Amino acid sequence: MIHLIGNSHVNTFSNDNKLNMSFENEVFKSHHIGPVIAYNFYEHHMGSVKNIINNVKKTDYISLIVGEVDCRLHLPLQADKQNKQDYDVVDECLNRLFRCYDDLSNDGYNLIVFSTHPTTTENHDMSKSDRPIYGSVERRNNICLMWNKKIEGLCKIRNIKYVNFYDLLVDENNITKMEYFLDYCHLNSNMCYPFIIEKLRNEVNIA
C-alpha cells in the first residue's frame, strides 16, 4: 500500500473520473489534510503526518502530495516579489520540503516521490481567490520541469523511489494536454491511473 498524504491532488491516484479525496484502492490510500503547499509543509504539517503514519505498516510506502499549487502560483509569484530566478525559489522550496522525507527516512519508513504534473493552459488570472493562476503556462510548466529535475536528484542521493509521469501530460512544446484534466488544475485519475500503475510496476517494481 502507498499512503498519499497531502492536498486535493491525492485525487490523481484515485482511479476515479470525478474529484475524490477519500479513497482506498488496490495500491493507494489517501489521507487528505487540506490545501497544503510544499514550502511550509515541514513546519505546519509534519505533526499531522506523524499522527497519520502511527498506524502505517513499515512495509508500506509514504508519499507527500504537494507541488501543483506551488508551481501554478506561489513559486513564480515569490520569484517576482523577491526578484529571484525561478530556479532559486524552486531549489529553496524543495530543500525545505525534503526535510520531511529525511525525517520519515530516519524513522524507518519506505518512501516514494511522484513528479508534479503540468499546470493549466489558462492565462494569468489572480482575480479569483479560489483558483488563482500566476504567469504564463510556458513559465509555469518550465518551473514544473525544474521541480521534477530537482526532486529526481534529491531522491537519487537519498535512494528514494521516484516516479515521473509529467511527460505523458504535455506535448512536444511542454504545453499541457488539458484533455487529461477534470478541471483547471486536477487530473482525471481515471485517464491517468493506468500509466501511473505501469510506471510503478516497470520502473520501481511496486504495484
N, C-alpha and C. Protein backbone atom coordinates (compact mmCIF):
# COMPACT_ATOMS: atom_id res chain seq x y z
N MET A 1 0.84 -1.20 0.00
CA MET A 1 0.00 0.00 0.00
C MET A 1 0.88 1.25 0.00
N ILE A 2 0.49 2.24 -0.81
CA ILE A 2 1.15 3.53 -0.84
C ILE A 2 0.20 4.54 -0.20
N HIS A 3 0.64 5.16 0.89
CA HIS A 3 -0.17 6.14 1.61
C HIS A 3 0.15 7.53 1.08
N LEU A 4 -0.87 8.22 0.60
CA LEU A 4 -0.74 9.54 0.00
C LEU A 4 -1.21 10.58 0.99
N ILE A 5 -0.32 11.46 1.42
CA ILE A 5 -0.66 12.46 2.42
C ILE A 5 -0.45 13.84 1.81
N GLY A 6 -1.54 14.61 1.72
CA GLY A 6 -1.36 15.93 1.12
C GLY A 6 -2.65 16.62 0.77
N ASN A 7 -2.60 17.41 -0.29
CA ASN A 7 -3.73 18.25 -0.68
C ASN A 7 -4.68 17.51 -1.62
N SER A 8 -5.55 18.25 -2.28
CA SER A 8 -6.59 17.62 -3.10
C SER A 8 -6.04 16.83 -4.27
N HIS A 9 -4.76 16.98 -4.58
CA HIS A 9 -4.18 16.22 -5.69
C HIS A 9 -3.88 14.77 -5.33
N VAL A 10 -4.22 14.36 -4.11
CA VAL A 10 -4.25 12.91 -3.85
C VAL A 10 -5.21 12.25 -4.82
N ASN A 11 -6.19 13.03 -5.31
CA ASN A 11 -7.16 12.51 -6.27
C ASN A 11 -6.51 11.90 -7.50
N THR A 12 -5.31 12.36 -7.85
CA THR A 12 -4.61 11.84 -9.03
C THR A 12 -4.53 10.31 -9.02
N PHE A 13 -4.55 9.70 -7.84
CA PHE A 13 -4.31 8.27 -7.70
C PHE A 13 -5.58 7.49 -7.33
N SER A 14 -6.74 8.12 -7.48
CA SER A 14 -7.99 7.51 -7.03
C SER A 14 -8.58 6.52 -8.02
N ASN A 15 -8.17 6.62 -9.29
CA ASN A 15 -8.76 5.82 -10.36
C ASN A 15 -10.25 6.12 -10.52
N ASP A 16 -10.60 7.37 -10.34
CA ASP A 16 -11.99 7.82 -10.42
C ASP A 16 -12.08 8.90 -11.48
N ASN A 17 -13.27 9.07 -12.08
CA ASN A 17 -13.45 10.11 -13.08
C ASN A 17 -14.12 11.35 -12.51
N LYS A 18 -14.09 11.47 -11.18
CA LYS A 18 -14.53 12.68 -10.51
C LYS A 18 -13.56 12.99 -9.37
N LEU A 19 -13.67 14.18 -8.81
CA LEU A 19 -12.75 14.58 -7.74
C LEU A 19 -13.05 13.76 -6.49
N ASN A 20 -12.06 13.00 -6.05
CA ASN A 20 -12.24 12.06 -4.93
C ASN A 20 -11.01 12.15 -4.04
N MET A 21 -11.19 12.68 -2.84
CA MET A 21 -10.06 12.88 -1.95
C MET A 21 -10.01 11.87 -0.81
N SER A 22 -11.00 11.00 -0.72
CA SER A 22 -11.02 9.96 0.31
C SER A 22 -11.26 8.62 -0.36
N PHE A 23 -10.23 7.80 -0.44
CA PHE A 23 -10.35 6.53 -1.14
C PHE A 23 -9.28 5.56 -0.68
N GLU A 24 -9.53 4.31 -0.94
CA GLU A 24 -8.53 3.25 -0.79
C GLU A 24 -8.79 2.26 -1.90
N ASN A 25 -7.78 2.01 -2.72
CA ASN A 25 -7.90 1.02 -3.78
C ASN A 25 -6.82 -0.04 -3.61
N GLU A 26 -6.54 -0.77 -4.65
CA GLU A 26 -5.61 -1.90 -4.52
C GLU A 26 -4.17 -1.46 -4.30
N VAL A 27 -3.86 -0.20 -4.58
CA VAL A 27 -2.48 0.28 -4.47
C VAL A 27 -2.35 1.47 -3.51
N PHE A 28 -3.32 2.39 -3.54
CA PHE A 28 -3.19 3.66 -2.84
C PHE A 28 -4.26 3.85 -1.76
N LYS A 29 -3.86 4.57 -0.71
CA LYS A 29 -4.81 5.05 0.30
C LYS A 29 -4.56 6.52 0.53
N SER A 30 -5.63 7.33 0.47
CA SER A 30 -5.48 8.77 0.60
C SER A 30 -5.63 9.23 2.04
N HIS A 31 -4.91 10.31 2.36
CA HIS A 31 -5.02 10.99 3.65
C HIS A 31 -5.00 12.49 3.32
N HIS A 32 -6.15 13.03 3.04
CA HIS A 32 -6.24 14.44 2.63
C HIS A 32 -6.17 15.32 3.87
N ILE A 33 -5.22 16.27 3.89
CA ILE A 33 -5.04 17.11 5.07
C ILE A 33 -5.28 18.59 4.78
N GLY A 34 -5.92 18.88 3.64
CA GLY A 34 -6.28 20.26 3.34
C GLY A 34 -5.44 20.87 2.23
N PRO A 35 -5.62 22.17 1.98
CA PRO A 35 -4.95 22.85 0.86
C PRO A 35 -3.50 23.22 1.18
N VAL A 36 -2.68 22.21 1.39
CA VAL A 36 -1.31 22.42 1.85
C VAL A 36 -0.37 22.68 0.67
N ILE A 37 0.71 23.39 0.96
CA ILE A 37 1.74 23.66 -0.04
C ILE A 37 3.08 23.12 0.43
N ALA A 38 4.01 23.03 -0.48
CA ALA A 38 5.30 22.41 -0.18
C ALA A 38 6.19 23.27 0.69
N TYR A 39 6.17 24.58 0.46
CA TYR A 39 7.16 25.46 1.07
C TYR A 39 7.17 25.35 2.59
N ASN A 40 5.99 25.36 3.22
CA ASN A 40 5.94 25.34 4.69
C ASN A 40 5.39 24.02 5.23
N PHE A 41 5.48 22.96 4.43
CA PHE A 41 4.91 21.68 4.83
C PHE A 41 5.56 21.16 6.12
N TYR A 42 6.86 21.27 6.20
CA TYR A 42 7.59 20.73 7.36
C TYR A 42 7.14 21.43 8.64
N GLU A 43 7.06 22.74 8.60
CA GLU A 43 6.72 23.50 9.80
C GLU A 43 5.27 23.31 10.22
N HIS A 44 4.36 23.22 9.25
CA HIS A 44 2.93 23.27 9.54
C HIS A 44 2.23 21.91 9.56
N HIS A 45 2.80 20.90 8.92
CA HIS A 45 2.03 19.68 8.70
C HIS A 45 2.71 18.37 9.08
N MET A 46 3.97 18.42 9.49
CA MET A 46 4.63 17.16 9.85
C MET A 46 4.00 16.51 11.08
N GLY A 47 3.42 17.31 11.96
CA GLY A 47 2.71 16.74 13.10
C GLY A 47 1.54 15.90 12.65
N SER A 48 0.78 16.40 11.67
CA SER A 48 -0.35 15.64 11.12
C SER A 48 0.13 14.37 10.44
N VAL A 49 1.23 14.48 9.70
CA VAL A 49 1.78 13.31 9.01
C VAL A 49 2.15 12.24 10.03
N LYS A 50 2.81 12.61 11.09
CA LYS A 50 3.26 11.62 12.07
C LYS A 50 2.09 10.99 12.81
N ASN A 51 1.01 11.75 13.01
CA ASN A 51 -0.19 11.15 13.60
C ASN A 51 -0.80 10.12 12.66
N ILE A 52 -0.83 10.44 11.38
CA ILE A 52 -1.40 9.53 10.39
C ILE A 52 -0.61 8.24 10.28
N ILE A 53 0.71 8.35 10.26
CA ILE A 53 1.53 7.17 9.99
C ILE A 53 1.76 6.30 11.21
N ASN A 54 1.21 6.68 12.34
CA ASN A 54 1.29 5.81 13.52
C ASN A 54 0.72 4.43 13.24
N ASN A 55 -0.27 4.38 12.33
CA ASN A 55 -0.94 3.12 12.02
C ASN A 55 -0.52 2.52 10.67
N VAL A 56 0.55 3.07 10.12
CA VAL A 56 1.02 2.58 8.82
C VAL A 56 2.07 1.49 9.04
N LYS A 57 1.93 0.39 8.30
CA LYS A 57 2.92 -0.68 8.37
C LYS A 57 4.24 -0.19 7.80
N LYS A 58 5.32 -0.62 8.41
CA LYS A 58 6.65 -0.21 7.94
C LYS A 58 6.98 -0.83 6.57
N THR A 59 6.20 -1.82 6.15
CA THR A 59 6.39 -2.39 4.82
C THR A 59 5.67 -1.59 3.73
N ASP A 60 4.75 -0.69 4.14
CA ASP A 60 4.05 0.18 3.20
C ASP A 60 4.95 1.35 2.79
N TYR A 61 4.44 2.16 1.86
CA TYR A 61 5.16 3.34 1.39
C TYR A 61 4.39 4.60 1.75
N ILE A 62 5.12 5.70 1.91
CA ILE A 62 4.53 7.01 2.19
C ILE A 62 4.97 7.98 1.10
N SER A 63 4.01 8.79 0.63
CA SER A 63 4.33 9.83 -0.34
C SER A 63 3.58 11.10 0.04
N LEU A 64 4.26 12.24 -0.04
CA LEU A 64 3.66 13.54 0.24
C LEU A 64 3.20 14.16 -1.07
N ILE A 65 1.92 14.51 -1.14
CA ILE A 65 1.34 15.01 -2.39
C ILE A 65 1.18 16.52 -2.29
N VAL A 66 2.16 17.23 -2.78
CA VAL A 66 2.17 18.69 -2.86
C VAL A 66 2.96 19.08 -4.10
N GLY A 67 2.77 20.33 -4.55
CA GLY A 67 3.59 20.82 -5.65
C GLY A 67 2.82 21.55 -6.74
N GLU A 68 1.61 21.08 -7.07
CA GLU A 68 0.89 21.72 -8.17
C GLU A 68 0.59 23.19 -7.86
N VAL A 69 0.12 23.45 -6.64
CA VAL A 69 -0.20 24.82 -6.26
C VAL A 69 1.06 25.69 -6.21
N ASP A 70 2.14 25.11 -5.72
CA ASP A 70 3.41 25.84 -5.68
C ASP A 70 3.83 26.26 -7.09
N CYS A 71 3.76 25.34 -8.04
CA CYS A 71 4.22 25.62 -9.40
C CYS A 71 3.26 26.55 -10.15
N ARG A 72 1.98 26.44 -9.88
CA ARG A 72 0.98 27.27 -10.56
C ARG A 72 0.95 28.69 -10.03
N LEU A 73 1.28 28.85 -8.75
CA LEU A 73 1.05 30.14 -8.11
C LEU A 73 2.25 30.65 -7.31
N HIS A 74 2.59 29.96 -6.24
CA HIS A 74 3.47 30.55 -5.23
C HIS A 74 4.90 30.76 -5.72
N LEU A 75 5.45 29.82 -6.46
CA LEU A 75 6.85 29.94 -6.84
C LEU A 75 7.10 31.08 -7.83
N PRO A 76 6.33 31.15 -8.93
CA PRO A 76 6.57 32.31 -9.82
C PRO A 76 6.22 33.64 -9.16
N LEU A 77 5.20 33.66 -8.33
CA LEU A 77 4.83 34.88 -7.62
C LEU A 77 5.95 35.34 -6.69
N GLN A 78 6.49 34.40 -5.91
CA GLN A 78 7.56 34.75 -4.97
C GLN A 78 8.85 35.12 -5.69
N ALA A 79 9.11 34.47 -6.82
CA ALA A 79 10.30 34.83 -7.60
C ALA A 79 10.23 36.29 -8.02
N ASP A 80 9.06 36.72 -8.48
CA ASP A 80 8.90 38.11 -8.90
C ASP A 80 8.93 39.06 -7.71
N LYS A 81 8.27 38.69 -6.64
CA LYS A 81 8.24 39.55 -5.45
C LYS A 81 9.64 39.75 -4.86
N GLN A 82 10.43 38.67 -4.87
CA GLN A 82 11.75 38.72 -4.24
C GLN A 82 12.87 39.02 -5.23
N ASN A 83 12.48 39.22 -6.51
CA ASN A 83 13.47 39.49 -7.55
C ASN A 83 14.52 38.38 -7.61
N LYS A 84 14.03 37.14 -7.63
CA LYS A 84 14.90 35.96 -7.71
C LYS A 84 14.63 35.21 -9.01
N GLN A 85 15.58 34.36 -9.37
CA GLN A 85 15.38 33.47 -10.51
C GLN A 85 14.41 32.35 -10.12
N ASP A 86 13.64 31.89 -11.09
CA ASP A 86 12.69 30.80 -10.82
C ASP A 86 13.41 29.59 -10.23
N TYR A 87 14.57 29.27 -10.79
CA TYR A 87 15.30 28.10 -10.30
C TYR A 87 15.61 28.22 -8.82
N ASP A 88 15.96 29.41 -8.39
CA ASP A 88 16.37 29.59 -6.99
C ASP A 88 15.21 29.37 -6.02
N VAL A 89 14.00 29.81 -6.40
CA VAL A 89 12.87 29.59 -5.49
C VAL A 89 12.44 28.12 -5.50
N VAL A 90 12.57 27.46 -6.64
CA VAL A 90 12.29 26.02 -6.69
C VAL A 90 13.27 25.27 -5.80
N ASP A 91 14.53 25.61 -5.92
CA ASP A 91 15.58 24.96 -5.15
C ASP A 91 15.33 25.12 -3.64
N GLU A 92 15.04 26.33 -3.23
CA GLU A 92 14.78 26.58 -1.81
C GLU A 92 13.56 25.81 -1.32
N CYS A 93 12.49 25.84 -2.10
CA CYS A 93 11.25 25.18 -1.70
C CYS A 93 11.45 23.68 -1.51
N LEU A 94 12.14 23.05 -2.44
CA LEU A 94 12.30 21.60 -2.35
C LEU A 94 13.30 21.19 -1.30
N ASN A 95 14.32 21.99 -1.07
CA ASN A 95 15.22 21.69 0.03
C ASN A 95 14.47 21.73 1.36
N ARG A 96 13.52 22.64 1.48
CA ARG A 96 12.70 22.72 2.69
C ARG A 96 11.78 21.51 2.78
N LEU A 97 11.12 21.15 1.68
CA LEU A 97 10.19 20.03 1.70
C LEU A 97 10.89 18.72 2.05
N PHE A 98 12.10 18.52 1.53
CA PHE A 98 12.76 17.23 1.72
C PHE A 98 13.25 17.00 3.15
N ARG A 99 13.16 18.01 3.99
CA ARG A 99 13.36 17.75 5.41
C ARG A 99 12.32 16.77 5.93
N CYS A 100 11.12 16.81 5.34
CA CYS A 100 10.06 15.87 5.72
C CYS A 100 10.48 14.44 5.37
N TYR A 101 10.95 14.24 4.15
CA TYR A 101 11.37 12.90 3.74
C TYR A 101 12.57 12.42 4.55
N ASP A 102 13.46 13.33 4.91
CA ASP A 102 14.59 12.93 5.74
C ASP A 102 14.12 12.44 7.11
N ASP A 103 13.17 13.14 7.70
CA ASP A 103 12.62 12.72 8.99
C ASP A 103 11.95 11.35 8.87
N LEU A 104 11.17 11.17 7.83
CA LEU A 104 10.46 9.90 7.64
C LEU A 104 11.45 8.76 7.39
N SER A 105 12.49 9.04 6.62
CA SER A 105 13.51 8.03 6.37
C SER A 105 14.23 7.65 7.66
N ASN A 106 14.54 8.64 8.48
CA ASN A 106 15.21 8.37 9.75
C ASN A 106 14.34 7.55 10.69
N ASP A 107 13.02 7.66 10.52
CA ASP A 107 12.09 6.87 11.33
C ASP A 107 11.85 5.48 10.76
N GLY A 108 12.49 5.16 9.63
CA GLY A 108 12.44 3.81 9.10
C GLY A 108 11.33 3.53 8.11
N TYR A 109 10.70 4.57 7.56
CA TYR A 109 9.60 4.36 6.62
C TYR A 109 10.11 4.24 5.19
N ASN A 110 9.39 3.44 4.38
CA ASN A 110 9.64 3.37 2.95
C ASN A 110 9.00 4.58 2.28
N LEU A 111 9.70 5.17 1.32
CA LEU A 111 9.24 6.42 0.71
C LEU A 111 9.19 6.30 -0.80
N ILE A 112 8.25 7.03 -1.37
CA ILE A 112 8.19 7.18 -2.82
C ILE A 112 7.74 8.60 -3.12
N VAL A 113 8.35 9.20 -4.13
CA VAL A 113 8.02 10.57 -4.52
C VAL A 113 7.54 10.57 -5.97
N PHE A 114 6.43 11.26 -6.21
CA PHE A 114 5.88 11.39 -7.55
C PHE A 114 6.17 12.78 -8.10
N SER A 115 6.34 12.86 -9.40
CA SER A 115 6.52 14.15 -10.06
C SER A 115 5.28 15.02 -9.85
N THR A 116 5.48 16.32 -9.98
CA THR A 116 4.31 17.18 -10.10
C THR A 116 3.78 17.04 -11.52
N HIS A 117 2.54 17.45 -11.73
CA HIS A 117 2.01 17.43 -13.09
C HIS A 117 1.94 18.85 -13.65
N PRO A 118 1.80 18.99 -14.96
CA PRO A 118 1.83 20.33 -15.57
C PRO A 118 0.63 21.17 -15.15
N THR A 119 0.75 22.47 -15.38
CA THR A 119 -0.28 23.40 -14.95
C THR A 119 -1.26 23.71 -16.09
N THR A 120 -2.34 24.33 -15.71
CA THR A 120 -3.38 24.68 -16.67
C THR A 120 -2.86 25.55 -17.81
N THR A 121 -3.51 25.45 -18.95
CA THR A 121 -3.19 26.33 -20.07
C THR A 121 -3.91 27.68 -19.95
N GLU A 122 -4.74 27.84 -18.93
CA GLU A 122 -5.42 29.13 -18.75
C GLU A 122 -4.39 30.23 -18.48
N ASN A 123 -4.75 31.44 -18.86
CA ASN A 123 -3.84 32.57 -18.72
C ASN A 123 -3.78 33.08 -17.28
N HIS A 124 -2.80 33.91 -17.02
CA HIS A 124 -2.65 34.58 -15.74
C HIS A 124 -3.98 35.20 -15.31
N ASP A 125 -4.41 34.87 -14.08
CA ASP A 125 -5.66 35.43 -13.56
C ASP A 125 -5.63 35.33 -12.04
N MET A 126 -5.40 36.45 -11.40
CA MET A 126 -5.36 36.48 -9.94
C MET A 126 -6.65 37.06 -9.36
N SER A 127 -7.68 37.20 -10.17
CA SER A 127 -8.92 37.83 -9.72
C SER A 127 -9.82 36.89 -8.94
N LYS A 128 -9.59 35.59 -9.07
CA LYS A 128 -10.43 34.60 -8.39
C LYS A 128 -9.64 33.95 -7.26
N SER A 129 -10.03 34.22 -6.03
CA SER A 129 -9.25 33.74 -4.88
C SER A 129 -9.29 32.23 -4.75
N ASP A 130 -10.32 31.58 -5.31
CA ASP A 130 -10.43 30.13 -5.19
C ASP A 130 -9.69 29.38 -6.29
N ARG A 131 -9.15 30.10 -7.28
CA ARG A 131 -8.41 29.45 -8.37
C ARG A 131 -7.40 30.41 -9.01
N PRO A 132 -6.49 30.95 -8.23
CA PRO A 132 -5.52 31.90 -8.78
C PRO A 132 -4.51 31.22 -9.70
N ILE A 133 -4.14 31.93 -10.75
CA ILE A 133 -3.18 31.44 -11.73
C ILE A 133 -2.19 32.55 -11.99
N TYR A 134 -0.90 32.26 -11.81
CA TYR A 134 0.12 33.31 -11.93
C TYR A 134 1.05 33.01 -13.09
N GLY A 135 1.21 33.98 -13.97
CA GLY A 135 2.17 33.85 -15.06
C GLY A 135 1.62 33.06 -16.24
N SER A 136 2.48 32.87 -17.22
CA SER A 136 2.10 32.14 -18.42
C SER A 136 2.25 30.64 -18.22
N VAL A 137 1.54 29.87 -19.04
CA VAL A 137 1.69 28.41 -18.95
C VAL A 137 3.12 28.00 -19.28
N GLU A 138 3.77 28.71 -20.19
CA GLU A 138 5.15 28.37 -20.55
C GLU A 138 6.06 28.52 -19.33
N ARG A 139 5.92 29.62 -18.61
CA ARG A 139 6.74 29.82 -17.42
C ARG A 139 6.41 28.80 -16.34
N ARG A 140 5.14 28.61 -16.07
CA ARG A 140 4.73 27.68 -15.02
C ARG A 140 5.21 26.27 -15.32
N ASN A 141 5.05 25.82 -16.55
CA ASN A 141 5.47 24.46 -16.88
C ASN A 141 6.99 24.32 -16.89
N ASN A 142 7.69 25.40 -17.20
CA ASN A 142 9.15 25.36 -17.08
C ASN A 142 9.54 25.20 -15.61
N ILE A 143 8.80 25.84 -14.72
CA ILE A 143 9.03 25.66 -13.29
C ILE A 143 8.76 24.21 -12.89
N CYS A 144 7.72 23.61 -13.48
CA CYS A 144 7.45 22.19 -13.22
C CYS A 144 8.63 21.31 -13.63
N LEU A 145 9.24 21.61 -14.78
CA LEU A 145 10.41 20.84 -15.21
C LEU A 145 11.56 20.99 -14.23
N MET A 146 11.79 22.22 -13.76
CA MET A 146 12.82 22.44 -12.74
C MET A 146 12.51 21.65 -11.48
N TRP A 147 11.25 21.67 -11.08
CA TRP A 147 10.78 20.95 -9.88
C TRP A 147 11.09 19.47 -10.00
N ASN A 148 10.69 18.88 -11.11
CA ASN A 148 10.86 17.44 -11.27
C ASN A 148 12.33 17.04 -11.38
N LYS A 149 13.13 17.85 -12.05
CA LYS A 149 14.56 17.56 -12.12
C LYS A 149 15.20 17.63 -10.75
N LYS A 150 14.80 18.62 -9.97
CA LYS A 150 15.36 18.78 -8.61
C LYS A 150 14.96 17.61 -7.73
N ILE A 151 13.67 17.22 -7.74
CA ILE A 151 13.28 16.12 -6.85
C ILE A 151 13.89 14.80 -7.29
N GLU A 152 14.09 14.64 -8.60
CA GLU A 152 14.76 13.42 -9.05
C GLU A 152 16.16 13.32 -8.46
N GLY A 153 16.88 14.45 -8.46
CA GLY A 153 18.22 14.46 -7.89
C GLY A 153 18.22 14.24 -6.39
N LEU A 154 17.28 14.87 -5.69
CA LEU A 154 17.19 14.71 -4.24
C LEU A 154 16.84 13.26 -3.88
N CYS A 155 15.98 12.64 -4.68
CA CYS A 155 15.64 11.24 -4.42
C CYS A 155 16.82 10.32 -4.69
N LYS A 156 17.56 10.61 -5.75
CA LYS A 156 18.68 9.74 -6.12
C LYS A 156 19.73 9.69 -5.02
N ILE A 157 20.09 10.84 -4.45
CA ILE A 157 21.14 10.83 -3.44
C ILE A 157 20.66 10.23 -2.12
N ARG A 158 19.33 10.13 -1.96
CA ARG A 158 18.75 9.52 -0.75
C ARG A 158 18.28 8.09 -0.98
N ASN A 159 18.40 7.61 -2.22
CA ASN A 159 17.93 6.27 -2.58
C ASN A 159 16.42 6.13 -2.32
N ILE A 160 15.67 7.18 -2.67
CA ILE A 160 14.21 7.17 -2.57
C ILE A 160 13.64 6.88 -3.95
N LYS A 161 12.63 6.04 -4.03
CA LYS A 161 11.98 5.72 -5.30
C LYS A 161 11.28 6.98 -5.84
N TYR A 162 11.43 7.19 -7.15
CA TYR A 162 10.85 8.37 -7.80
C TYR A 162 10.12 7.95 -9.07
N VAL A 163 8.91 8.46 -9.25
CA VAL A 163 8.11 8.15 -10.43
C VAL A 163 7.70 9.45 -11.10
N ASN A 164 8.08 9.60 -12.36
CA ASN A 164 7.79 10.81 -13.13
C ASN A 164 6.81 10.48 -14.25
N PHE A 165 5.61 11.04 -14.18
CA PHE A 165 4.63 10.85 -15.25
C PHE A 165 4.31 12.17 -15.97
N TYR A 166 5.08 13.20 -15.69
CA TYR A 166 4.85 14.54 -16.24
C TYR A 166 4.83 14.53 -17.77
N ASP A 167 5.82 13.88 -18.38
CA ASP A 167 5.98 13.96 -19.84
C ASP A 167 4.79 13.41 -20.60
N LEU A 168 4.01 12.56 -19.97
CA LEU A 168 2.83 12.00 -20.63
C LEU A 168 1.68 13.00 -20.71
N LEU A 169 1.82 14.12 -20.02
CA LEU A 169 0.73 15.08 -19.91
C LEU A 169 1.02 16.40 -20.62
N VAL A 170 2.11 16.45 -21.38
CA VAL A 170 2.45 17.65 -22.15
C VAL A 170 2.78 17.27 -23.58
N ASP A 171 2.68 18.25 -24.48
CA ASP A 171 3.04 18.00 -25.87
C ASP A 171 4.53 18.29 -26.08
N GLU A 172 4.95 18.28 -27.33
CA GLU A 172 6.37 18.44 -27.63
C GLU A 172 6.89 19.83 -27.29
N ASN A 173 6.00 20.77 -27.06
CA ASN A 173 6.38 22.13 -26.67
C ASN A 173 6.21 22.38 -25.18
N ASN A 174 6.01 21.33 -24.42
CA ASN A 174 5.82 21.42 -22.97
C ASN A 174 4.55 22.19 -22.61
N ILE A 175 3.54 22.08 -23.46
CA ILE A 175 2.23 22.67 -23.19
C ILE A 175 1.28 21.57 -22.72
N THR A 176 0.54 21.85 -21.69
CA THR A 176 -0.30 20.87 -21.02
C THR A 176 -1.39 20.32 -21.93
N LYS A 177 -1.60 19.01 -21.87
CA LYS A 177 -2.71 18.35 -22.56
C LYS A 177 -3.92 18.38 -21.63
N MET A 178 -4.76 19.37 -21.79
CA MET A 178 -5.87 19.59 -20.86
C MET A 178 -6.94 18.50 -20.94
N GLU A 179 -6.88 17.67 -21.96
CA GLU A 179 -7.85 16.58 -22.05
C GLU A 179 -7.69 15.57 -20.91
N TYR A 180 -6.56 15.61 -20.22
CA TYR A 180 -6.34 14.71 -19.09
C TYR A 180 -6.81 15.31 -17.76
N PHE A 181 -7.45 16.47 -17.80
CA PHE A 181 -7.84 17.16 -16.58
C PHE A 181 -9.34 17.09 -16.34
N LEU A 182 -9.70 17.09 -15.05
CA LEU A 182 -11.10 17.19 -14.64
C LEU A 182 -11.57 18.64 -14.64
N ASP A 183 -10.69 19.52 -14.23
CA ASP A 183 -10.98 20.94 -14.14
C ASP A 183 -9.71 21.70 -14.46
N TYR A 184 -9.58 22.92 -14.00
CA TYR A 184 -8.42 23.72 -14.38
C TYR A 184 -7.12 23.23 -13.76
N CYS A 185 -7.20 22.43 -12.66
CA CYS A 185 -5.93 22.02 -12.03
C CYS A 185 -5.86 20.55 -11.63
N HIS A 186 -6.98 19.85 -11.52
CA HIS A 186 -6.96 18.45 -11.07
C HIS A 186 -7.00 17.50 -12.26
N LEU A 187 -6.17 16.47 -12.18
CA LEU A 187 -6.16 15.45 -13.22
C LEU A 187 -7.38 14.55 -13.15
N ASN A 188 -7.78 14.02 -14.29
CA ASN A 188 -8.78 12.97 -14.35
C ASN A 188 -8.07 11.65 -14.07
N SER A 189 -8.19 11.18 -12.86
CA SER A 189 -7.43 9.99 -12.46
C SER A 189 -7.80 8.77 -13.28
N ASN A 190 -9.04 8.66 -13.66
CA ASN A 190 -9.48 7.52 -14.46
C ASN A 190 -8.67 7.39 -15.75
N MET A 191 -8.25 8.53 -16.29
CA MET A 191 -7.45 8.53 -17.51
C MET A 191 -5.97 8.32 -17.22
N CYS A 192 -5.50 8.84 -16.08
CA CYS A 192 -4.06 8.81 -15.78
C CYS A 192 -3.62 7.58 -14.99
N TYR A 193 -4.54 6.97 -14.27
CA TYR A 193 -4.20 5.86 -13.39
C TYR A 193 -3.47 4.72 -14.10
N PRO A 194 -3.92 4.30 -15.30
CA PRO A 194 -3.24 3.17 -15.94
C PRO A 194 -1.76 3.40 -16.20
N PHE A 195 -1.38 4.60 -16.66
CA PHE A 195 0.06 4.78 -16.93
C PHE A 195 0.85 5.04 -15.66
N ILE A 196 0.22 5.52 -14.60
CA ILE A 196 0.91 5.63 -13.32
C ILE A 196 1.21 4.24 -12.78
N ILE A 197 0.24 3.34 -12.85
CA ILE A 197 0.44 1.96 -12.39
C ILE A 197 1.51 1.27 -13.23
N GLU A 198 1.50 1.50 -14.53
CA GLU A 198 2.51 0.89 -15.41
C GLU A 198 3.91 1.35 -15.01
N LYS A 199 4.06 2.64 -14.72
CA LYS A 199 5.36 3.14 -14.29
C LYS A 199 5.78 2.56 -12.95
N LEU A 200 4.83 2.43 -12.03
CA LEU A 200 5.14 1.83 -10.72
C LEU A 200 5.64 0.40 -10.91
N ARG A 201 5.02 -0.34 -11.78
CA ARG A 201 5.40 -1.74 -11.97
C ARG A 201 6.72 -1.87 -12.72
N ASN A 202 6.90 -1.06 -13.75
CA ASN A 202 8.04 -1.26 -14.63
C ASN A 202 9.28 -0.52 -14.18
N GLU A 203 9.11 0.61 -13.47
CA GLU A 203 10.26 1.44 -13.13
C GLU A 203 10.73 1.29 -11.68
N VAL A 204 9.81 1.04 -10.76
CA VAL A 204 10.22 0.92 -9.36
C VAL A 204 9.76 -0.38 -8.72
N ASN A 205 9.17 -1.27 -9.51
CA ASN A 205 8.80 -2.60 -9.05
C ASN A 205 7.83 -2.56 -7.86
N ILE A 206 6.83 -1.68 -7.97
CA ILE A 206 5.74 -1.59 -7.00
C ILE A 206 4.43 -1.71 -7.75
N ALA A 207 3.42 -2.25 -7.12
CA ALA A 207 2.05 -2.36 -7.60
C ALA A 207 1.79 -3.68 -8.32
